[in-house]
Amino acid sequence: MDEQSRAAKRNKFGGTKYVYRPDEMKALRSFFYTEWQHRFPDAPILYWT
């Protein structure tokens, strides 16, 4: 995981995690939602983080 290509997200305790940039996250979300519905048609997706 290359920290330079990720966005930094900080929590209220001062911790830092590196996450995908918003455009990458949207693409990943779209892919996984499509695949999830295809493979598990009756299973709900409760949340995305």
N, C-alpha and C. Protein backbone atom coordinates (compact mmCIF):
# COMPACT_ATOMS: atom_id res chain seq x y z
N MET A 1 0.85 -1.17 0.00
CA MET A 1 0.00 0.00 0.00
C MET A 1 0.89 1.23 0.00
N ASP A 2 0.82 1.98 -1.05
CA ASP A 2 1.64 3.17 -1.20
C ASP A 2 0.93 4.38 -0.59
N GLU A 3 1.46 4.91 0.49
CA GLU A 3 0.82 6.04 1.18
C GLU A 3 0.74 7.29 0.31
N GLN A 4 1.64 7.43 -0.64
CA GLN A 4 1.65 8.62 -1.50
C GLN A 4 0.45 8.64 -2.45
N SER A 5 -0.05 7.48 -2.81
CA SER A 5 -1.17 7.43 -3.76
C SER A 5 -2.52 7.32 -3.05
N ARG A 6 -2.52 7.38 -1.73
CA ARG A 6 -3.76 7.25 -0.95
C ARG A 6 -4.09 8.57 -0.27
N ALA A 7 -5.33 8.68 0.15
CA ALA A 7 -5.77 9.84 0.93
C ALA A 7 -5.63 9.48 2.40
N ALA A 8 -5.21 10.42 3.22
CA ALA A 8 -5.08 10.20 4.65
C ALA A 8 -6.39 10.57 5.33
N LYS A 9 -6.82 9.71 6.25
CA LYS A 9 -8.03 9.97 7.01
C LYS A 9 -7.65 9.86 8.48
N ARG A 10 -7.98 10.88 9.24
CA ARG A 10 -7.61 10.92 10.66
C ARG A 10 -8.85 10.76 11.53
N ASN A 11 -8.65 10.09 12.67
CA ASN A 11 -9.77 9.94 13.59
C ASN A 11 -9.63 10.89 14.77
N LYS A 12 -10.60 10.89 15.64
CA LYS A 12 -10.61 11.84 16.75
C LYS A 12 -9.51 11.59 17.78
N PHE A 13 -8.86 10.44 17.72
CA PHE A 13 -7.78 10.12 18.66
C PHE A 13 -6.40 10.39 18.08
N GLY A 14 -6.35 10.96 16.89
CA GLY A 14 -5.07 11.29 16.28
C GLY A 14 -4.48 10.21 15.40
N GLY A 15 -5.19 9.11 15.26
CA GLY A 15 -4.71 8.03 14.40
C GLY A 15 -4.92 8.37 12.93
N THR A 16 -4.12 7.79 12.08
CA THR A 16 -4.20 8.02 10.65
C THR A 16 -4.33 6.70 9.92
N LYS A 17 -5.23 6.67 8.94
CA LYS A 17 -5.29 5.52 8.05
C LYS A 17 -5.30 6.04 6.63
N TYR A 18 -4.82 5.23 5.73
CA TYR A 18 -4.73 5.62 4.33
C TYR A 18 -5.81 4.89 3.56
N VAL A 19 -6.63 5.66 2.86
CA VAL A 19 -7.79 5.11 2.16
C VAL A 19 -7.69 5.44 0.68
N TYR A 20 -8.54 4.77 -0.11
CA TYR A 20 -8.60 5.06 -1.54
C TYR A 20 -9.13 6.47 -1.76
N ARG A 21 -8.72 7.09 -2.82
CA ARG A 21 -9.23 8.41 -3.19
C ARG A 21 -10.69 8.27 -3.62
N PRO A 22 -11.48 9.34 -3.51
CA PRO A 22 -12.92 9.26 -3.78
C PRO A 22 -13.29 8.66 -5.14
N ASP A 23 -12.58 9.00 -6.20
CA ASP A 23 -12.92 8.44 -7.51
C ASP A 23 -12.66 6.94 -7.58
N GLU A 24 -11.58 6.49 -6.94
CA GLU A 24 -11.30 5.05 -6.88
C GLU A 24 -12.34 4.33 -6.02
N MET A 25 -12.73 4.96 -4.92
CA MET A 25 -13.71 4.37 -4.02
C MET A 25 -15.06 4.20 -4.73
N LYS A 26 -15.45 5.17 -5.53
CA LYS A 26 -16.72 5.07 -6.27
C LYS A 26 -16.67 3.91 -7.25
N ALA A 27 -15.56 3.74 -7.94
CA ALA A 27 -15.41 2.64 -8.89
C ALA A 27 -15.45 1.29 -8.16
N LEU A 28 -14.77 1.19 -7.03
CA LEU A 28 -14.78 -0.05 -6.26
C LEU A 28 -16.18 -0.36 -5.74
N ARG A 29 -16.84 0.66 -5.23
CA ARG A 29 -18.19 0.47 -4.70
C ARG A 29 -19.13 -0.04 -5.80
N SER A 30 -19.07 0.58 -6.95
CA SER A 30 -19.91 0.17 -8.07
C SER A 30 -19.65 -1.28 -8.45
N PHE A 31 -18.38 -1.64 -8.55
CA PHE A 31 -18.00 -3.01 -8.90
C PHE A 31 -18.54 -4.01 -7.88
N PHE A 32 -18.29 -3.75 -6.60
CA PHE A 32 -18.69 -4.70 -5.57
C PHE A 32 -20.20 -4.80 -5.43
N TYR A 33 -20.91 -3.68 -5.55
CA TYR A 33 -22.37 -3.73 -5.48
C TYR A 33 -22.93 -4.57 -6.63
N THR A 34 -22.40 -4.38 -7.83
CA THR A 34 -22.86 -5.15 -8.99
C THR A 34 -22.58 -6.64 -8.80
N GLU A 35 -21.37 -6.96 -8.39
CA GLU A 35 -21.01 -8.36 -8.17
C GLU A 35 -21.83 -8.98 -7.04
N TRP A 36 -22.04 -8.24 -5.98
CA TRP A 36 -22.81 -8.74 -4.84
C TRP A 36 -24.22 -9.09 -5.27
N GLN A 37 -24.86 -8.18 -6.01
CA GLN A 37 -26.23 -8.43 -6.46
C GLN A 37 -26.30 -9.61 -7.43
N HIS A 38 -25.27 -9.76 -8.24
CA HIS A 38 -25.23 -10.88 -9.18
C HIS A 38 -25.08 -12.22 -8.45
N ARG A 39 -24.20 -12.25 -7.46
CA ARG A 39 -23.90 -13.52 -6.77
C ARG A 39 -24.87 -13.83 -5.64
N PHE A 40 -25.40 -12.79 -4.99
CA PHE A 40 -26.28 -12.97 -3.84
C PHE A 40 -27.54 -12.11 -4.02
N PRO A 41 -28.43 -12.49 -4.92
CA PRO A 41 -29.55 -11.62 -5.29
C PRO A 41 -30.51 -11.27 -4.14
N ASP A 42 -30.62 -12.13 -3.15
CA ASP A 42 -31.55 -11.86 -2.05
C ASP A 42 -30.90 -11.29 -0.81
N ALA A 43 -29.60 -11.11 -0.83
CA ALA A 43 -28.88 -10.61 0.35
C ALA A 43 -28.73 -9.09 0.27
N PRO A 44 -29.14 -8.38 1.32
CA PRO A 44 -28.99 -6.92 1.30
C PRO A 44 -27.56 -6.50 1.61
N ILE A 45 -27.20 -5.33 1.12
CA ILE A 45 -25.92 -4.71 1.47
C ILE A 45 -26.27 -3.67 2.53
N LEU A 46 -25.77 -3.84 3.72
CA LEU A 46 -26.15 -2.97 4.82
C LEU A 46 -25.39 -1.66 4.86
N TYR A 47 -24.12 -1.69 4.52
CA TYR A 47 -23.33 -0.45 4.52
C TYR A 47 -22.05 -0.65 3.74
N TRP A 48 -21.42 0.45 3.41
CA TRP A 48 -20.15 0.46 2.68
C TRP A 48 -19.21 1.38 3.42
N THR A 49 -18.02 0.90 3.73
CA THR A 49 -17.04 1.76 4.40
C THR A 49 -15.77 1.82 3.61
